Amino acid sequence: MRCFVHLALALVAFTVAASAQSLTIEEWQPRSTLVVEEHPVPRARFPVIDVHSHHRSSTTAERIDRIVREMDELNLRILVNLSGRYGERLKSTVERFIGRHPSRFAVFANLDFRGIGSPGWGERAARQLEVDVNNGASGLKFFKNFGMTVKDHAGKRVPVDDPSLEPVWKTCARLKIPVLIHVAEPAEFFKPRDRFNERWLELKIHPNRHRPPDRFPPFETLMAERDRMIARHPDVNFIVAHFGWHGNDLGRLGRLMDKYPNFYTETGAILAELGRQPFTARKFFIDYQDRILFGKDSYRPNEFPVFWRVFETRDEYFDYYRHYHAHWKLYGLDLPDEVLKKLYYKNALRLVPRLPSDGFPP
């Protein structure tokens, strides 16, 4: 009997060893042995306006009510739905969200790029935008396909600084509405998927995120187009999404914001970049405290507390909420209260004047 027990234990040990040998990098999720103080933040210290959220126009009333209850728990005061579309769909989205909870949601319009570059397209797009604003839109949102895959009426790529948009920019300036624009993707997505690529794991898990040069313009081409567009329209306030994909180079982002007073940014989907450089990022948030807005991007309630913890605490070496985005841990920035207030709601209220402003602290 004892021989059978030893044999069984040996088989278990062999199985465990074999399993360890066959473990893939995607499966490896080591548990830290570091013992330090932890200060989870389930609810933001001050009310928050999330300027970067996405919700379908078909979202049910029951789902919208549940979102509001989740927002209350997180201290999210307003969600800005950037997926408003245009025309009748925009009206439907406004009615579904703002009509049900007027003080909790805002909606940004989008452009219909069909026929862009053809005679009169810009004027038609500008007129539709004005109608959409009159129907409840608080701003204009450009998705990431603009500049990368949007084609004109002749089948050519539309650059970010395409002159067809001039009537749209003039309308934004006249109506005093901000433009939240997503240009490009992380620079590493445009590079070879080799052993030097910091986002290799993410690109292995999500290969469709790779941007090879035979299908997409280079990262720096898109950045140059974006910067020319901002420079040419100083009377339009641009909220450049995702820290402009310069979260890994805050010096570059700071120089851009110094150069262009109408260049604002938001924190959507780049928390991992901020949390790995707590000293540099803290200084950046203080230096540019009037130019940064809070944005999350995908709406997942369980992920917001990681943002609160990075912004509000001095915690060390804690997990990001998606292991494939970052293979490092996060650190808290411990932002001063006045900086937090500007990040969380003051800058948004100033930059998006059509937001409901009741109930926010001074």
Protein backbone atom coordinates (compact mmCIF):
# COMPACT_ATOMS: atom_id res chain seq x y z
CA MET A 1 0.00 0.00 0.00
CA ARG A 2 2.82 2.36 0.92
CA CYS A 3 4.32 1.84 -2.55
CA PHE A 4 1.08 2.93 -4.17
CA VAL A 5 1.01 6.10 -2.03
CA HIS A 6 4.59 6.95 -3.02
CA LEU A 7 3.75 6.27 -6.65
CA ALA A 8 0.69 8.54 -6.49
CA LEU A 9 2.70 11.35 -4.88
CA ALA A 10 5.37 10.96 -7.52
CA LEU A 11 2.76 11.22 -10.27
CA VAL A 12 1.34 14.38 -8.72
CA ALA A 13 4.79 15.91 -8.45
CA PHE A 14 5.52 14.99 -12.07
CA THR A 15 2.23 16.49 -13.23
CA VAL A 16 2.87 19.75 -11.35
CA ALA A 17 6.40 19.95 -12.75
CA ALA A 18 5.18 19.25 -16.27
CA SER A 19 2.47 21.87 -15.89
CA ALA A 20 5.03 24.43 -14.75
CA GLN A 21 7.24 23.61 -17.71
CA SER A 22 4.34 24.08 -20.14
CA LEU A 23 3.18 27.36 -18.57
CA THR A 24 2.96 30.13 -21.16
CA ILE A 25 3.85 33.78 -20.63
CA GLU A 26 0.17 34.67 -21.09
CA GLU A 27 -0.75 32.40 -18.18
CA TRP A 28 1.99 33.59 -15.82
CA GLN A 29 0.54 35.93 -13.19
CA PRO A 30 2.97 35.97 -10.26
CA ARG A 31 1.69 37.06 -6.86
CA SER A 32 3.81 39.70 -5.21
CA THR A 33 5.40 38.83 -1.88
CA LEU A 34 5.93 42.51 -1.00
CA VAL A 35 4.28 43.49 2.28
CA VAL A 36 3.46 47.21 2.44
CA GLU A 37 0.52 49.34 3.54
CA GLU A 38 -2.50 49.26 1.24
CA HIS A 39 -5.18 51.93 0.92
CA PRO A 40 -7.86 50.87 -1.59
CA VAL A 41 -10.14 53.72 -2.69
CA PRO A 42 -13.56 52.38 -3.67
CA ARG A 43 -15.06 55.89 -3.93
CA ALA A 44 -13.40 58.99 -5.36
CA ARG A 45 -12.60 61.74 -2.84
CA PHE A 46 -14.43 64.35 -4.94
CA PRO A 47 -17.22 64.06 -7.52
CA VAL A 48 -15.94 63.04 -10.94
CA ILE A 49 -16.85 63.91 -14.52
CA ASP A 50 -15.70 61.15 -16.86
CA VAL A 51 -15.24 62.84 -20.24
CA HIS A 52 -14.43 59.60 -22.06
CA SER A 53 -17.12 56.95 -21.91
CA HIS A 54 -18.96 54.89 -24.53
CA HIS A 55 -22.53 53.61 -24.38
CA ARG A 56 -24.77 52.30 -27.12
CA SER A 57 -27.83 54.26 -28.19
CA SER A 58 -29.79 51.04 -27.70
CA THR A 59 -28.93 50.79 -23.98
CA THR A 60 -32.09 49.88 -22.08
CA ALA A 61 -33.69 52.09 -19.43
CA GLU A 62 -33.01 49.41 -16.81
CA ARG A 63 -29.32 49.31 -17.75
CA ILE A 64 -29.08 53.12 -17.63
CA ASP A 65 -30.63 53.14 -14.16
CA ARG A 66 -28.12 50.51 -13.03
CA ILE A 67 -25.24 52.60 -14.42
CA VAL A 68 -26.45 55.57 -12.37
CA ARG A 69 -26.53 53.45 -9.21
CA GLU A 70 -22.97 52.28 -9.95
CA MET A 71 -21.94 55.89 -10.55
CA ASP A 72 -23.33 56.85 -7.13
CA GLU A 73 -21.19 54.21 -5.45
CA LEU A 74 -18.05 55.42 -7.25
CA ASN A 75 -18.80 59.16 -6.85
CA LEU A 76 -19.08 59.55 -10.62
CA ARG A 77 -21.30 62.58 -11.06
CA ILE A 78 -21.42 62.76 -14.88
CA LEU A 79 -20.54 60.36 -17.69
CA VAL A 80 -19.91 61.85 -21.14
CA ASN A 81 -21.08 59.41 -23.78
CA LEU A 82 -18.81 60.01 -26.76
CA SER A 83 -20.76 57.62 -29.01
CA GLY A 84 -23.64 59.95 -29.78
CA ARG A 85 -23.47 59.63 -33.59
CA TYR A 86 -25.47 62.20 -35.57
CA GLY A 87 -28.95 63.05 -36.82
CA GLU A 88 -31.83 60.94 -35.55
CA ARG A 89 -29.51 58.53 -33.76
CA LEU A 90 -27.99 61.46 -31.83
CA LYS A 91 -31.46 62.63 -30.85
CA SER A 92 -32.33 59.11 -29.71
CA THR A 93 -29.15 58.84 -27.61
CA VAL A 94 -29.78 62.22 -25.97
CA GLU A 95 -33.36 61.29 -25.18
CA ARG A 96 -32.43 57.85 -23.84
CA PHE A 97 -29.66 59.04 -21.50
CA ILE A 98 -30.17 62.74 -20.74
CA GLY A 99 -33.92 62.51 -20.98
CA ARG A 100 -33.93 59.87 -18.26
CA HIS A 101 -31.19 61.36 -16.03
CA PRO A 102 -30.63 65.00 -17.08
CA SER A 103 -27.90 65.77 -14.53
CA ARG A 104 -25.88 62.56 -14.93
CA PHE A 105 -25.04 62.28 -18.62
CA ALA A 106 -23.78 64.33 -21.54
CA VAL A 107 -23.47 63.30 -25.18
CA PHE A 108 -20.92 64.21 -27.86
CA ALA A 109 -21.78 64.10 -31.55
CA ASN A 110 -19.79 62.33 -34.27
CA LEU A 111 -19.36 63.09 -37.98
CA ASP A 112 -20.61 61.11 -40.95
CA PHE A 113 -17.49 60.70 -43.10
CA ARG A 114 -19.29 59.22 -46.08
CA GLY A 115 -18.38 61.30 -49.11
CA ILE A 116 -15.68 63.31 -47.35
CA GLY A 117 -13.64 65.28 -49.84
CA SER A 118 -16.48 65.62 -52.30
CA PRO A 119 -17.80 69.14 -53.10
CA GLY A 120 -19.84 70.58 -50.24
CA TRP A 121 -19.14 67.77 -47.78
CA GLY A 122 -17.58 70.07 -45.16
CA GLU A 123 -20.51 72.50 -45.25
CA ARG A 124 -23.02 69.64 -44.93
CA ALA A 125 -21.08 68.13 -42.02
CA ALA A 126 -20.92 71.52 -40.27
CA ARG A 127 -24.65 72.07 -40.67
CA GLN A 128 -25.40 68.63 -39.27
CA LEU A 129 -23.12 69.30 -36.32
CA GLU A 130 -24.98 72.50 -35.50
CA VAL A 131 -28.27 70.63 -35.66
CA ASP A 132 -26.84 67.96 -33.34
CA VAL A 133 -25.68 70.60 -30.85
CA ASN A 134 -29.14 72.17 -30.91
CA ASN A 135 -30.50 68.68 -30.20
CA GLY A 136 -28.37 68.26 -27.08
CA ALA A 137 -24.79 67.43 -28.05
CA SER A 138 -22.15 69.05 -25.80
CA GLY A 139 -19.13 68.50 -28.04
CA LEU A 140 -17.66 66.60 -30.99
CA LYS A 141 -15.77 63.30 -30.85
CA PHE A 142 -13.43 61.79 -33.46
CA PHE A 143 -12.78 58.05 -33.22
CA LYS A 144 -9.42 56.40 -33.88
CA ASN A 145 -10.33 55.38 -37.43
CA PHE A 146 -9.98 59.04 -38.43
CA GLY A 147 -6.50 59.48 -39.89
CA MET A 148 -5.86 55.74 -40.15
CA THR A 149 -8.64 54.04 -42.12
CA VAL A 150 -11.17 56.73 -43.12
CA LYS A 151 -11.04 57.14 -46.91
CA ASP A 152 -12.24 60.04 -49.00
CA HIS A 153 -14.63 59.84 -51.97
CA ALA A 154 -11.68 58.88 -54.19
CA GLY A 155 -10.48 56.07 -51.91
CA LYS A 156 -7.49 57.89 -50.41
CA ARG A 157 -6.65 58.05 -46.72
CA VAL A 158 -7.98 61.21 -45.06
CA PRO A 159 -5.20 62.88 -43.05
CA VAL A 160 -5.96 64.29 -39.63
CA ASP A 161 -5.36 67.85 -40.89
CA ASP A 162 -7.50 67.42 -44.02
CA PRO A 163 -8.80 70.79 -45.31
CA SER A 164 -12.27 69.33 -45.89
CA LEU A 165 -12.90 69.84 -42.18
CA GLU A 166 -12.44 73.62 -42.20
CA PRO A 167 -16.20 74.35 -42.02
CA VAL A 168 -16.48 71.92 -39.08
CA TRP A 169 -13.69 73.64 -37.15
CA LYS A 170 -15.28 77.03 -37.75
CA THR A 171 -18.57 75.73 -36.40
CA CYS A 172 -16.88 74.30 -33.29
CA ALA A 173 -15.24 77.66 -32.63
CA ARG A 174 -18.46 79.61 -33.15
CA LEU A 175 -20.52 77.29 -30.95
CA LYS A 176 -17.71 77.08 -28.37
CA ILE A 177 -17.83 73.28 -28.19
CA PRO A 178 -14.70 71.18 -27.49
CA VAL A 179 -13.40 68.46 -29.77
CA LEU A 180 -12.27 65.23 -28.13
CA ILE A 181 -10.07 63.57 -30.73
CA HIS A 182 -8.42 60.16 -30.72
CA VAL A 183 -5.42 60.11 -33.06
CA ALA A 184 -3.38 56.95 -33.67
CA GLU A 185 -2.62 54.21 -31.13
CA PRO A 186 0.34 53.54 -28.79
CA ALA A 187 3.59 53.98 -30.71
CA GLU A 188 4.62 50.38 -29.96
CA PHE A 189 1.64 49.12 -31.97
CA PHE A 190 3.30 50.55 -35.10
CA LYS A 191 6.65 48.85 -34.43
CA PRO A 192 7.77 45.27 -35.14
CA ARG A 193 6.39 42.65 -32.76
CA ASP A 194 9.83 41.58 -31.62
CA ARG A 195 11.57 40.94 -28.29
CA PHE A 196 12.24 44.66 -27.83
CA ASN A 197 8.60 45.71 -28.10
CA GLU A 198 7.28 46.72 -24.67
CA ARG A 199 3.69 45.89 -25.72
CA TRP A 200 4.62 42.46 -27.11
CA LEU A 201 2.35 40.57 -24.72
CA GLU A 202 -0.66 42.75 -25.54
CA LEU A 203 0.00 42.36 -29.26
CA LYS A 204 0.34 38.60 -28.86
CA ILE A 205 -2.98 38.38 -27.03
CA HIS A 206 -4.63 40.91 -29.37
CA PRO A 207 -2.79 40.66 -32.71
CA ASN A 208 -5.44 42.81 -34.41
CA ARG A 209 -4.00 45.81 -32.53
CA HIS A 210 -0.79 45.73 -34.53
CA ARG A 211 -0.45 48.58 -37.06
CA PRO A 212 1.98 47.33 -39.77
CA PRO A 213 3.40 49.91 -42.20
CA ASP A 214 1.86 48.27 -45.26
CA ARG A 215 -1.64 49.00 -43.92
CA PHE A 216 -1.31 52.07 -41.69
CA PRO A 217 0.51 55.41 -41.76
CA PRO A 218 3.50 55.72 -39.40
CA PHE A 219 2.90 56.93 -35.85
CA GLU A 220 4.95 60.09 -36.33
CA THR A 221 3.05 60.96 -39.51
CA LEU A 222 -0.19 60.92 -37.54
CA MET A 223 1.34 62.98 -34.74
CA ALA A 224 2.57 65.62 -37.21
CA GLU A 225 -0.88 65.84 -38.83
CA ARG A 226 -2.52 66.19 -35.44
CA ASP A 227 -0.16 68.94 -34.33
CA ARG A 228 -0.63 70.92 -37.55
CA MET A 229 -4.40 70.70 -37.13
CA ILE A 230 -4.21 72.04 -33.57
CA ALA A 231 -1.82 74.83 -34.61
CA ARG A 232 -4.08 75.97 -37.45
CA HIS A 233 -7.18 76.27 -35.25
CA PRO A 234 -6.23 78.13 -32.06
CA ASP A 235 -9.86 79.08 -31.47
CA VAL A 236 -10.91 75.42 -31.06
CA ASN A 237 -10.24 73.59 -27.80
CA PHE A 238 -8.96 70.10 -28.56
CA ILE A 239 -9.07 67.43 -25.86
CA VAL A 240 -6.47 65.00 -27.19
CA ALA A 241 -7.50 61.54 -26.00
CA HIS A 242 -5.25 59.15 -24.10
CA PHE A 243 -2.56 61.74 -23.25
CA GLY A 244 -1.94 61.89 -27.00
CA TRP A 245 -0.24 58.47 -26.60
CA HIS A 246 2.64 60.35 -24.96
CA GLY A 247 2.07 58.99 -21.45
CA ASN A 248 5.45 57.30 -21.74
CA ASP A 249 7.10 60.64 -22.65
CA LEU A 250 5.58 63.37 -20.50
CA GLY A 251 8.32 65.78 -21.51
CA ARG A 252 7.12 65.64 -25.10
CA LEU A 253 3.51 66.06 -24.03
CA GLY A 254 4.42 69.04 -21.87
CA ARG A 255 6.23 70.74 -24.74
CA LEU A 256 3.16 70.33 -26.93
CA MET A 257 0.90 71.82 -24.29
CA ASP A 258 3.32 74.71 -23.82
CA LYS A 259 3.31 75.35 -27.56
CA TYR A 260 -0.46 75.04 -28.11
CA PRO A 261 -2.70 76.69 -25.47
CA ASN A 262 -5.72 74.92 -27.00
CA PHE A 263 -4.16 71.47 -26.42
CA TYR A 264 -5.88 69.67 -23.53
CA THR A 265 -5.76 65.98 -22.70
CA GLU A 266 -7.45 63.23 -20.69
CA THR A 267 -6.42 60.08 -18.85
CA GLY A 268 -8.33 57.36 -20.68
CA ALA A 269 -6.56 53.99 -21.01
CA ILE A 270 -3.08 55.24 -20.01
CA LEU A 271 -3.15 54.71 -16.23
CA ALA A 272 -0.42 52.08 -16.49
CA GLU A 273 1.93 54.69 -17.97
CA LEU A 274 1.27 57.14 -15.13
CA GLY A 275 1.48 54.61 -12.31
CA ARG A 276 4.97 53.44 -13.21
CA GLN A 277 6.50 56.94 -12.97
CA PRO A 278 5.01 58.41 -9.78
CA PHE A 279 7.50 61.26 -9.32
CA THR A 280 7.50 62.45 -12.93
CA ALA A 281 3.75 62.00 -13.34
CA ARG A 282 2.94 63.80 -10.08
CA LYS A 283 5.00 66.81 -11.18
CA PHE A 284 3.32 66.75 -14.59
CA PHE A 285 -0.18 66.80 -13.07
CA ILE A 286 0.78 69.71 -10.85
CA ASP A 287 2.50 71.66 -13.63
CA TYR A 288 -0.40 71.15 -16.08
CA GLN A 289 -3.24 70.98 -13.58
CA ASP A 290 -5.48 73.26 -15.68
CA ARG A 291 -5.13 71.17 -18.84
CA ILE A 292 -5.90 67.57 -17.81
CA LEU A 293 -9.37 66.03 -17.58
CA PHE A 294 -10.41 62.69 -16.15
CA GLY A 295 -11.33 60.02 -18.69
CA LYS A 296 -11.65 56.28 -18.30
CA ASP A 297 -12.69 55.02 -21.80
CA SER A 298 -14.42 51.63 -21.41
CA TYR A 299 -17.07 51.66 -18.70
CA ARG A 300 -16.24 48.91 -16.20
CA PRO A 301 -17.18 49.89 -12.62
CA ASN A 302 -14.66 47.58 -10.94
CA GLU A 303 -11.75 49.33 -12.69
CA PHE A 304 -12.41 52.92 -11.56
CA PRO A 305 -11.07 52.38 -8.00
CA VAL A 306 -7.62 51.67 -9.45
CA PHE A 307 -7.68 55.19 -10.94
CA TRP A 308 -8.71 56.66 -7.57
CA ARG A 309 -5.91 54.75 -5.85
CA VAL A 310 -3.26 55.99 -8.29
CA PHE A 311 -4.42 59.60 -8.07
CA GLU A 312 -5.21 59.81 -4.35
CA THR A 313 -2.72 57.61 -2.44
CA ARG A 314 0.99 56.99 -1.96
CA ASP A 315 0.53 53.22 -2.21
CA GLU A 316 3.36 51.18 -3.67
CA TYR A 317 3.61 48.35 -6.15
CA PHE A 318 -0.02 47.38 -6.71
CA ASP A 319 -1.73 45.69 -9.63
CA TYR A 320 -3.02 47.33 -12.77
CA TYR A 321 -6.47 46.07 -13.72
CA ARG A 322 -5.43 44.31 -16.95
CA HIS A 323 -2.29 42.23 -16.84
CA TYR A 324 -1.61 42.29 -20.58
CA HIS A 325 -1.43 46.11 -20.86
CA ALA A 326 1.47 46.33 -18.47
CA HIS A 327 3.94 43.84 -17.04
CA TRP A 328 4.78 46.23 -14.18
CA LYS A 329 3.07 47.40 -10.99
CA LEU A 330 1.59 50.81 -10.16
CA TYR A 331 2.41 53.50 -7.60
CA GLY A 332 0.21 56.25 -6.21
CA LEU A 333 0.75 59.89 -7.20
CA ASP A 334 -0.79 61.39 -4.02
CA LEU A 335 -2.11 64.43 -5.90
CA PRO A 336 -2.98 67.57 -3.87
CA ASP A 337 -6.69 68.15 -3.33
CA GLU A 338 -6.85 71.22 -5.58
CA VAL A 339 -5.22 69.28 -8.41
CA LEU A 340 -7.66 66.41 -7.86
CA LYS A 341 -10.63 68.78 -8.04
CA LYS A 342 -9.42 70.18 -11.35
CA LEU A 343 -8.72 66.71 -12.74
CA TYR A 344 -11.99 65.24 -11.53
CA TYR A 345 -14.47 68.00 -12.43
CA LYS A 346 -13.31 71.64 -12.53
CA ASN A 347 -11.49 71.46 -15.86
CA ALA A 348 -14.37 69.62 -17.50
CA LEU A 349 -16.92 72.17 -16.31
CA ARG A 350 -14.77 74.98 -17.68
CA LEU A 351 -14.02 73.33 -21.01
CA VAL A 352 -17.46 71.83 -21.70
CA PRO A 353 -19.85 74.66 -20.76
CA ARG A 354 -22.95 72.65 -21.68
CA LEU A 355 -22.40 70.18 -18.83
CA PRO A 356 -24.82 70.30 -15.90
CA SER A 357 -22.88 72.06 -13.15
CA ASP A 358 -25.18 71.93 -10.12
CA GLY A 359 -23.98 70.21 -6.95
CA PHE A 360 -20.23 70.40 -7.42
CA PRO A 361 -18.12 71.77 -4.55
CA PRO A 362 -16.23 75.04 -5.08
